Amino acid sequence: MTAVVSMSLLASTAPNNTKFMDDLRTFCMGYASESVVPGYEWASLGRGTVVEVGGADGRIALEVASQCPSIQFIVQGHASTAAQAKSSSSKFDSSVSSRVQWMAHDYLEPQPTECKGAEAYLVQCSGRGWTDEYVAKVFGNVAAAMGPESKLLIADDLVPLDGASTTGQGRTTDDWTQLLAMSDSRLVIARVVPPSRPGEVSVIEARRVSEFHVSFGFA
């Protein structure tokens, strides 16, 4: 199975409360989707399956599916968001909604068997209020599920080395490098897709070093 797993981790005072994070993700989705949907080369994934982990109502998956007819989606979220997901899906043509399936999943737990060996895993807004410990736990679960060609796509603020964040939150490239290493020693940054406008998120593409020869030039 070829898959892309998209995970959105949002701020919570109770890190195990995945329902609360899914609710926050729905609230903040417009912020990330303005960069994530047009900012990454989704068509380059071919006929893969995209699994959006922590996808709440699946809005981003539906938007990408509407532009990339060859991609299938599995949206993972807290069980309580199923009704929201159904409502969002009903707003799209059946040619799109039929390719987006919703799945209840706690994304602090290991990835299900059917989501292993994914082409890419997309994590959104993981820097917003979560400590490194919890972000590393999710990244570690992703690393364990990744296959030889897998990518981890982190859609989040990338703070310049001078610390001048455009949104007031985020991590530097060095911070993300250290966090990836904390998650799994094989994870390294391959490239960064910068935002098209100030205040939007970057897409940091990471790979497992055992399957990837690192190029230190960022796109």
C-alpha atoms as a PDB file:
ATOM      1  CA  MET A   1       0.000   0.000   0.000  1.00  0.00           C
ATOM      2  CA  THR A   2       1.297   3.458  -0.899  1.00  0.00           C
ATOM      3  CA  ALA A   3       0.067   6.136   1.471  1.00  0.00           C
ATOM      4  CA  VAL A   4       0.553   9.667   2.679  1.00  0.00           C
ATOM      5  CA  VAL A   5      -0.217  10.213   6.319  1.00  0.00           C
ATOM      6  CA  SER A   6      -1.129  13.730   7.367  1.00  0.00           C
ATOM      7  CA  MET A   7      -1.021  14.449  11.093  1.00  0.00           C
ATOM      8  CA  SER A   8      -2.124  17.700  12.666  1.00  0.00           C
ATOM      9  CA  LEU A   9      -0.979  18.243  16.239  1.00  0.00           C
ATOM     10  CA  LEU A  10      -2.341  21.332  17.913  1.00  0.00           C
ATOM     11  CA  ALA A  11      -1.879  22.953  21.310  1.00  0.00           C
ATOM     12  CA  SER A  12      -3.420  21.261  24.333  1.00  0.00           C
ATOM     13  CA  THR A  13      -2.936  21.474  28.063  1.00  0.00           C
ATOM     14  CA  ALA A  14      -3.821  17.768  28.150  1.00  0.00           C
ATOM     15  CA  PRO A  15      -1.505  16.089  25.580  1.00  0.00           C
ATOM     16  CA  ASN A  16      -3.448  12.808  25.617  1.00  0.00           C
ATOM     17  CA  ASN A  17      -6.725  14.536  24.743  1.00  0.00           C
ATOM     18  CA  THR A  18      -6.797  13.855  21.010  1.00  0.00           C
ATOM     19  CA  LYS A  19     -10.399  15.055  20.762  1.00  0.00           C
ATOM     20  CA  PHE A  20      -9.381  18.486  22.051  1.00  0.00           C
ATOM     21  CA  MET A  21      -6.553  18.628  19.502  1.00  0.00           C
ATOM     22  CA  ASP A  22      -8.854  17.612  16.673  1.00  0.00           C
ATOM     23  CA  ASP A  23     -11.235  20.419  17.695  1.00  0.00           C
ATOM     24  CA  LEU A  24      -8.369  22.918  17.688  1.00  0.00           C
ATOM     25  CA  ARG A  25      -7.159  21.623  14.390  1.00  0.00           C
ATOM     26  CA  THR A  26     -10.538  22.258  12.797  1.00  0.00           C
ATOM     27  CA  PHE A  27     -10.431  25.812  14.185  1.00  0.00           C
ATOM     28  CA  CYS A  28      -6.905  26.462  12.832  1.00  0.00           C
ATOM     29  CA  MET A  29      -7.220  24.538   9.583  1.00  0.00           C
ATOM     30  CA  GLY A  30      -7.541  27.601   7.394  1.00  0.00           C
ATOM     31  CA  TYR A  31      -4.164  28.851   8.611  1.00  0.00           C
ATOM     32  CA  ALA A  32      -2.364  25.693   7.517  1.00  0.00           C
ATOM     33  CA  SER A  33      -4.440  24.835   4.435  1.00  0.00           C
ATOM     34  CA  GLU A  34      -3.536  28.121   2.723  1.00  0.00           C
ATOM     35  CA  SER A  35       0.048  26.846   2.608  1.00  0.00           C
ATOM     36  CA  VAL A  36      -0.287  23.066   2.653  1.00  0.00           C
ATOM     37  CA  VAL A  37      -2.849  22.506  -0.098  1.00  0.00           C
ATOM     38  CA  PRO A  38      -1.180  24.620  -2.830  1.00  0.00           C
ATOM     39  CA  GLY A  39       2.327  24.557  -1.336  1.00  0.00           C
ATOM     40  CA  TYR A  40       3.288  20.912  -1.792  1.00  0.00           C
ATOM     41  CA  GLU A  41       3.582  18.924  -5.031  1.00  0.00           C
ATOM     42  CA  TRP A  42       0.777  16.481  -4.232  1.00  0.00           C
ATOM     43  CA  ALA A  43       0.532  15.287  -7.846  1.00  0.00           C
ATOM     44  CA  SER A  44       4.107  13.987  -7.585  1.00  0.00           C
ATOM     45  CA  LEU A  45       2.838  11.272  -5.237  1.00  0.00           C
ATOM     46  CA  GLY A  46       1.147   9.535  -8.160  1.00  0.00           C
ATOM     47  CA  ARG A  47      -1.608   7.069  -7.315  1.00  0.00           C
ATOM     48  CA  GLY A  48      -0.795   6.916  -3.597  1.00  0.00           C
ATOM     49  CA  THR A  49      -3.127   6.801  -0.616  1.00  0.00           C
ATOM     50  CA  VAL A  50      -3.003   9.803   1.684  1.00  0.00           C
ATOM     51  CA  VAL A  51      -3.701   9.102   5.357  1.00  0.00           C
ATOM     52  CA  GLU A  52      -4.401  12.283   7.274  1.00  0.00           C
ATOM     53  CA  VAL A  53      -3.677  11.590  10.944  1.00  0.00           C
ATOM     54  CA  GLY A  54      -5.426  13.893  13.368  1.00  0.00           C
ATOM     55  CA  GLY A  55      -7.386  15.103  10.371  1.00  0.00           C
ATOM     56  CA  ALA A  56     -10.467  16.211  12.332  1.00  0.00           C
ATOM     57  CA  ASP A  57     -13.194  16.777   9.723  1.00  0.00           C
ATOM     58  CA  GLY A  58     -10.925  15.938   6.773  1.00  0.00           C
ATOM     59  CA  ARG A  59     -11.167  19.333   5.124  1.00  0.00           C
ATOM     60  CA  ILE A  60      -7.567  19.419   3.889  1.00  0.00           C
ATOM     61  CA  ALA A  61      -7.769  15.858   2.566  1.00  0.00           C
ATOM     62  CA  LEU A  62     -10.928  16.758   0.654  1.00  0.00           C
ATOM     63  CA  GLU A  63      -9.349  19.891  -0.795  1.00  0.00           C
ATOM     64  CA  VAL A  64      -6.257  18.027  -1.964  1.00  0.00           C
ATOM     65  CA  ALA A  65      -8.360  15.141  -3.318  1.00  0.00           C
ATOM     66  CA  SER A  66     -10.404  17.621  -5.346  1.00  0.00           C
ATOM     67  CA  GLN A  67      -7.206  18.747  -7.096  1.00  0.00           C
ATOM     68  CA  CYS A  68      -5.491  15.356  -7.399  1.00  0.00           C
ATOM     69  CA  PRO A  69      -7.924  12.746  -8.759  1.00  0.00           C
ATOM     70  CA  SER A  70      -5.383   9.910  -8.551  1.00  0.00           C
ATOM     71  CA  ILE A  71      -4.931  10.085  -4.764  1.00  0.00           C
ATOM     72  CA  GLN A  72      -7.009   8.191  -2.188  1.00  0.00           C
ATOM     73  CA  PHE A  73      -7.328   9.423   1.403  1.00  0.00           C
ATOM     74  CA  ILE A  74      -7.829   7.913   4.834  1.00  0.00           C
ATOM     75  CA  VAL A  75      -8.557  10.584   7.443  1.00  0.00           C
ATOM     76  CA  GLN A  76      -7.733   9.599  11.025  1.00  0.00           C
ATOM     77  CA  GLY A  77      -9.274  11.458  13.962  1.00  0.00           C
ATOM     78  CA  HIS A  78     -10.995  11.141  17.320  1.00  0.00           C
ATOM     79  CA  ALA A  79     -14.218   9.117  17.195  1.00  0.00           C
ATOM     80  CA  SER A  80     -16.260  12.186  18.172  1.00  0.00           C
ATOM     81  CA  THR A  81     -15.283  14.002  14.949  1.00  0.00           C
ATOM     82  CA  ALA A  82     -16.938  11.421  12.668  1.00  0.00           C
ATOM     83  CA  ALA A  83     -20.105  13.511  12.293  1.00  0.00           C
ATOM     84  CA  GLN A  84     -18.068  16.595  11.360  1.00  0.00           C
ATOM     85  CA  ALA A  85     -16.164  14.559   8.799  1.00  0.00           C
ATOM     86  CA  LYS A  86     -19.417  13.325   7.236  1.00  0.00           C
ATOM     87  CA  SER A  87     -20.711  16.890   7.042  1.00  0.00           C
ATOM     88  CA  SER A  88     -17.519  18.145   5.371  1.00  0.00           C
ATOM     89  CA  SER A  89     -17.553  15.255   2.908  1.00  0.00           C
ATOM     90  CA  SER A  90     -21.142  16.018   1.867  1.00  0.00           C
ATOM     91  CA  LYS A  91     -20.027  19.424   0.555  1.00  0.00           C
ATOM     92  CA  PHE A  92     -17.904  17.813  -2.161  1.00  0.00           C
ATOM     93  CA  ASP A  93     -18.853  15.959  -5.322  1.00  0.00           C
ATOM     94  CA  SER A  94     -19.003  12.185  -4.972  1.00  0.00           C
ATOM     95  CA  SER A  95     -16.000  11.876  -7.314  1.00  0.00           C
ATOM     96  CA  VAL A  96     -14.004  13.488  -4.494  1.00  0.00           C
ATOM     97  CA  SER A  97     -15.777  12.273  -1.350  1.00  0.00           C
ATOM     98  CA  SER A  98     -15.695   8.649  -2.520  1.00  0.00           C
ATOM     99  CA  ARG A  99     -11.901   8.784  -2.344  1.00  0.00           C
ATOM    100  CA  VAL A 100     -11.794  10.047   1.259  1.00  0.00           C
ATOM    101  CA  GLN A 101     -12.391   7.473   3.995  1.00  0.00           C
ATOM    102  CA  TRP A 102     -12.566   8.396   7.711  1.00  0.00           C
ATOM    103  CA  MET A 103     -10.941   6.254  10.434  1.00  0.00           C
ATOM    104  CA  ALA A 104     -10.997   6.595  14.246  1.00  0.00           C
ATOM    105  CA  HIS A 105      -7.397   6.581  15.489  1.00  0.00           C
ATOM    106  CA  ASP A 106      -5.406   7.951  18.414  1.00  0.00           C
ATOM    107  CA  TYR A 107      -2.327   9.374  16.731  1.00  0.00           C
ATOM    108  CA  LEU A 108      -0.257   9.106  19.904  1.00  0.00           C
ATOM    109  CA  GLU A 109      -0.445   5.358  19.328  1.00  0.00           C
ATOM    110  CA  PRO A 110       1.485   3.370  16.668  1.00  0.00           C
ATOM    111  CA  GLN A 111       0.205   3.578  13.119  1.00  0.00           C
ATOM    112  CA  PRO A 112      -2.231   0.802  12.091  1.00  0.00           C
ATOM    113  CA  THR A 113      -0.876  -1.948   9.870  1.00  0.00           C
ATOM    114  CA  GLU A 114      -2.777  -0.648   6.831  1.00  0.00           C
ATOM    115  CA  CYS A 115      -0.992   2.715   7.121  1.00  0.00           C
ATOM    116  CA  LYS A 116       2.558   1.355   7.270  1.00  0.00           C
ATOM    117  CA  GLY A 117       4.911   1.848   4.349  1.00  0.00           C
ATOM    118  CA  ALA A 118       3.331   5.188   3.469  1.00  0.00           C
ATOM    119  CA  GLU A 119       4.713   7.388   0.713  1.00  0.00           C
ATOM    120  CA  ALA A 120       4.576  10.427   2.999  1.00  0.00           C
ATOM    121  CA  TYR A 121       3.306  11.488   6.404  1.00  0.00           C
ATOM    122  CA  LEU A 122       2.148  15.077   6.858  1.00  0.00           C
ATOM    123  CA  VAL A 123       2.163  16.593  10.337  1.00  0.00           C
ATOM    124  CA  GLN A 124       0.637  20.049  10.713  1.00  0.00           C
ATOM    125  CA  CYS A 125       1.155  22.667  13.429  1.00  0.00           C
ATOM    126  CA  SER A 126       3.062  20.342  15.760  1.00  0.00           C
ATOM    127  CA  GLY A 127       4.928  23.292  17.279  1.00  0.00           C
ATOM    128  CA  ARG A 128       1.827  24.970  18.651  1.00  0.00           C
ATOM    129  CA  GLY A 129       1.872  24.353  22.361  1.00  0.00           C
ATOM    130  CA  TRP A 130       3.157  20.774  22.366  1.00  0.00           C
ATOM    131  CA  THR A 131       6.372  19.931  24.168  1.00  0.00           C
ATOM    132  CA  ASP A 132       9.146  18.124  22.326  1.00  0.00           C
ATOM    133  CA  GLU A 133       8.337  14.961  24.275  1.00  0.00           C
ATOM    134  CA  TYR A 134       4.884  14.564  22.744  1.00  0.00           C
ATOM    135  CA  VAL A 135       5.817  15.679  19.235  1.00  0.00           C
ATOM    136  CA  ALA A 136       8.722  13.211  19.323  1.00  0.00           C
ATOM    137  CA  LYS A 137       6.329  10.427  20.326  1.00  0.00           C
ATOM    138  CA  VAL A 138       4.195  11.011  17.238  1.00  0.00           C
ATOM    139  CA  PHE A 139       7.199  11.408  14.936  1.00  0.00           C
ATOM    140  CA  GLY A 140       8.642   8.213  16.403  1.00  0.00           C
ATOM    141  CA  ASN A 141       5.438   6.345  15.570  1.00  0.00           C
ATOM    142  CA  VAL A 142       5.682   7.674  12.031  1.00  0.00           C
ATOM    143  CA  ALA A 143       9.353   6.680  11.700  1.00  0.00           C
ATOM    144  CA  ALA A 144       8.511   3.153  12.813  1.00  0.00           C
ATOM    145  CA  ALA A 145       5.830   2.928  10.110  1.00  0.00           C
ATOM    146  CA  MET A 146       7.861   4.471   7.283  1.00  0.00           C
ATOM    147  CA  GLY A 147       9.034   2.438   4.312  1.00  0.00           C
ATOM    148  CA  PRO A 148      12.097   2.883   2.090  1.00  0.00           C
ATOM    149  CA  GLU A 149      10.487   5.645   0.012  1.00  0.00           C
ATOM    150  CA  SER A 150       8.534   7.339   2.803  1.00  0.00           C
ATOM    151  CA  LYS A 151       8.644  11.054   3.563  1.00  0.00           C
ATOM    152  CA  LEU A 152       7.662  12.889   6.723  1.00  0.00           C
ATOM    153  CA  LEU A 153       6.196  16.283   5.779  1.00  0.00           C
ATOM    154  CA  ILE A 154       6.044  18.777   8.636  1.00  0.00           C
ATOM    155  CA  ALA A 155       3.816  21.767   7.846  1.00  0.00           C
ATOM    156  CA  ASP A 156       4.671  24.305  10.490  1.00  0.00           C
ATOM    157  CA  ASP A 157       6.390  27.580  11.307  1.00  0.00           C
ATOM    158  CA  LEU A 158      10.083  27.616  10.486  1.00  0.00           C
ATOM    159  CA  VAL A 159      11.676  30.367  12.547  1.00  0.00           C
ATOM    160  CA  PRO A 160      14.705  32.074  10.934  1.00  0.00           C
ATOM    161  CA  LEU A 161      17.993  31.622  12.763  1.00  0.00           C
ATOM    162  CA  ASP A 162      17.701  35.229  13.963  1.00  0.00           C
ATOM    163  CA  GLY A 163      14.541  34.162  15.805  1.00  0.00           C
ATOM    164  CA  ALA A 164      12.213  36.557  13.960  1.00  0.00           C
ATOM    165  CA  SER A 165       9.100  34.376  13.692  1.00  0.00           C
ATOM    166  CA  THR A 166       6.340  35.799  11.495  1.00  0.00           C
ATOM    167  CA  THR A 167       3.620  34.179  13.593  1.00  0.00           C
ATOM    168  CA  GLY A 168       5.090  34.311  17.084  1.00  0.00           C
ATOM    169  CA  GLN A 169       5.542  30.531  17.335  1.00  0.00           C
ATOM    170  CA  GLY A 170       7.702  27.858  15.806  1.00  0.00           C
ATOM    171  CA  ARG A 171      11.113  26.220  15.749  1.00  0.00           C
ATOM    172  CA  THR A 172      14.331  26.888  13.842  1.00  0.00           C
ATOM    173  CA  THR A 173      15.835  24.398  11.395  1.00  0.00           C
ATOM    174  CA  ASP A 174      18.248  23.328  14.143  1.00  0.00           C
ATOM    175  CA  ASP A 175      15.315  22.802  16.528  1.00  0.00           C
ATOM    176  CA  TRP A 176      13.517  20.583  14.010  1.00  0.00           C
ATOM    177  CA  THR A 177      16.741  18.663  13.299  1.00  0.00           C
ATOM    178  CA  GLN A 178      17.198  17.929  17.012  1.00  0.00           C
ATOM    179  CA  LEU A 179      13.532  17.014  17.461  1.00  0.00           C
ATOM    180  CA  LEU A 180      13.663  14.570  14.563  1.00  0.00           C
ATOM    181  CA  ALA A 181      16.788  12.965  15.999  1.00  0.00           C
ATOM    182  CA  MET A 182      15.045  12.682  19.377  1.00  0.00           C
ATOM    183  CA  SER A 183      12.146  10.922  17.659  1.00  0.00           C
ATOM    184  CA  ASP A 184      14.280   8.490  15.670  1.00  0.00           C
ATOM    185  CA  SER A 185      18.007   8.766  15.022  1.00  0.00           C
ATOM    186  CA  ARG A 186      17.427   7.929  11.343  1.00  0.00           C
ATOM    187  CA  LEU A 187      15.225  10.986  10.629  1.00  0.00           C
ATOM    188  CA  VAL A 188      16.936  13.888   8.835  1.00  0.00           C
ATOM    189  CA  ILE A 189      15.728  16.973   6.977  1.00  0.00           C
ATOM    190  CA  ALA A 190      15.964  16.483   3.200  1.00  0.00           C
ATOM    191  CA  ARG A 191      14.563  19.820   2.057  1.00  0.00           C
ATOM    192  CA  VAL A 192      12.285  22.696   3.007  1.00  0.00           C
ATOM    193  CA  VAL A 193       9.482  24.120   0.855  1.00  0.00           C
ATOM    194  CA  PRO A 194       9.167  27.750   1.995  1.00  0.00           C
ATOM    195  CA  PRO A 195       5.821  29.576   2.288  1.00  0.00           C
ATOM    196  CA  SER A 196       4.718  31.693  -0.637  1.00  0.00           C
ATOM    197  CA  ARG A 197       3.711  34.545   1.682  1.00  0.00           C
ATOM    198  CA  PRO A 198       4.867  35.802   5.099  1.00  0.00           C
ATOM    199  CA  GLY A 199       2.924  34.309   7.998  1.00  0.00           C
ATOM    200  CA  GLU A 200       2.212  30.982   6.273  1.00  0.00           C
ATOM    201  CA  VAL A 201       3.769  27.651   7.190  1.00  0.00           C
ATOM    202  CA  SER A 202       6.748  25.956   5.563  1.00  0.00           C
ATOM    203  CA  VAL A 203       6.745  22.287   4.600  1.00  0.00           C
ATOM    204  CA  ILE A 204       9.774  20.487   6.024  1.00  0.00           C
ATOM    205  CA  GLU A 205      10.448  17.195   4.256  1.00  0.00           C
ATOM    206  CA  ALA A 206      12.292  14.583   6.311  1.00  0.00           C
ATOM    207  CA  ARG A 207      13.505  11.114   5.342  1.00  0.00           C
ATOM    208  CA  ARG A 208      15.048   8.151   7.134  1.00  0.00           C
ATOM    209  CA  VAL A 209      18.807   8.413   6.628  1.00  0.00           C
ATOM    210  CA  SER A 210      19.159   4.649   6.115  1.00  0.00           C
ATOM    211  CA  GLU A 211      17.126   5.003   2.918  1.00  0.00           C
ATOM    212  CA  PHE A 212      18.155   8.487   1.850  1.00  0.00           C
ATOM    213  CA  HIS A 213      21.460  10.222   1.025  1.00  0.00           C
ATOM    214  CA  VAL A 214      21.045  13.658   2.553  1.00  0.00           C
ATOM    215  CA  SER A 215      21.340  16.732   0.330  1.00  0.00           C
ATOM    216  CA  PHE A 216      21.900  19.777   2.485  1.00  0.00           C
ATOM    217  CA  GLY A 217      20.493  22.199  -0.053  1.00  0.00           C
ATOM    218  CA  PHE A 218      16.936  23.286   0.790  1.00  0.00           C
ATOM    219  CA  ALA A 219      14.415  23.871  -2.018  1.00  0.00           C
END
